[in-house]
Structures are given as C-alpha cells and as structure tokens.
Amino acid sequence: MKRRKGSKEVFDGYFKFEGRYIWYYGYKTKDNDTLHLYLEEKLHVEEEKDFLERIENGSKVYTIE
C-alpha cells in the first residue's frame, strides 16, 4: 500500500479525544498482526518546533541528520 506523505487520503478516519482531532489508520503486518498509527497534528508541530530549537541552541545530541 503506497502512502502519500502529507495527504489525509491515507488515513481511515479521525476521532475527537479531549478536544483534539486524531487521525488514524491501521494495516496488517507480515505477521498478520494489526498495527494502528495515529497522528495528532498539533502535537507533531510542537515536537518539531522543540527539536529544531534544540538544534539552533547548539545541542550536540540533536542534529538534522
């Protein structure tokens, strides 16, 4: 199954949890287990901002690579 980065078409749907919208999709692994993936965009943006700020502040632990 090919997924297009940044497209909501890849998700099976969304639900509201504690006032936030969570996108999700699930698929079967090669071991026939079901894997569910979730995306909460606000949290994603906050984590990305925090990561980039650490890089800009000279952290040797975090790099773009």
Protein backbone atom coordinates (compact mmCIF):
# COMPACT_ATOMS: atom_id res chain seq x y z
CA MET A 1 0.00 0.00 0.00
CA LYS A 2 1.62 3.26 -1.10
CA ARG A 3 1.19 6.22 1.22
CA ARG A 4 1.48 9.81 0.02
CA LYS A 5 3.26 11.99 2.55
CA GLY A 6 1.12 14.85 3.82
CA SER A 7 -2.14 13.55 2.38
CA LYS A 8 -5.13 12.82 4.60
CA GLU A 9 -6.31 10.29 1.99
CA VAL A 10 -4.05 7.68 3.59
CA PHE A 11 -5.98 7.71 6.86
CA ASP A 12 -9.00 5.56 7.60
CA GLY A 13 -10.60 8.39 9.56
CA TYR A 14 -10.36 10.54 12.65
CA PHE A 15 -11.85 10.85 16.10
CA LYS A 16 -12.06 13.56 18.72
CA PHE A 17 -10.24 12.99 22.01
CA GLU A 18 -10.16 15.59 24.79
CA GLY A 19 -11.00 18.32 22.29
CA ARG A 20 -8.28 17.30 19.80
CA TYR A 21 -8.75 15.58 16.45
CA ILE A 22 -6.68 12.44 15.97
CA TRP A 23 -6.19 10.91 12.50
CA TYR A 24 -5.66 7.15 12.32
CA TYR A 25 -5.13 4.20 10.03
CA GLY A 26 -4.46 0.54 10.53
CA TYR A 27 -2.94 -2.24 8.49
CA LYS A 28 -1.87 -5.85 8.77
CA THR A 29 1.82 -6.61 9.25
CA LYS A 30 3.56 -9.51 7.56
CA ASP A 31 2.99 -11.49 10.79
CA ASN A 32 -0.76 -10.82 10.38
CA ASP A 33 -0.84 -8.50 13.40
CA THR A 34 -2.83 -5.27 13.13
CA LEU A 35 -0.83 -2.09 13.53
CA HIS A 36 -2.64 1.19 14.26
CA LEU A 37 -0.95 4.52 13.58
CA TYR A 38 -2.15 7.86 14.93
CA LEU A 39 -1.39 11.47 14.04
CA GLU A 40 -2.20 14.42 16.26
CA GLU A 41 -1.03 17.37 14.18
CA LYS A 42 -0.79 19.96 16.95
CA LEU A 43 1.48 17.68 18.99
CA HIS A 44 3.52 16.89 15.88
CA VAL A 45 4.14 20.60 15.21
CA GLU A 46 5.06 21.26 18.87
CA GLU A 47 7.54 18.37 18.89
CA GLU A 48 9.10 19.51 15.60
CA LYS A 49 9.46 23.07 16.95
CA ASP A 50 11.10 21.78 20.14
CA PHE A 51 13.50 19.60 18.14
CA LEU A 52 14.57 22.47 15.85
CA GLU A 53 15.02 24.84 18.79
CA ARG A 54 17.37 22.33 20.42
CA ILE A 55 19.43 22.20 17.22
CA GLU A 56 19.55 26.01 16.97
CA ASN A 57 20.61 26.27 20.62
CA GLY A 58 23.69 24.19 19.87
CA SER A 59 22.72 20.83 21.35
CA LYS A 60 25.26 18.23 20.32
CA VAL A 61 22.70 15.46 20.92
CA TYR A 62 20.27 16.67 18.23
CA THR A 63 21.13 17.16 14.56
CA ILE A 64 19.15 17.46 11.34
CA GLU A 65 20.84 14.29 10.09
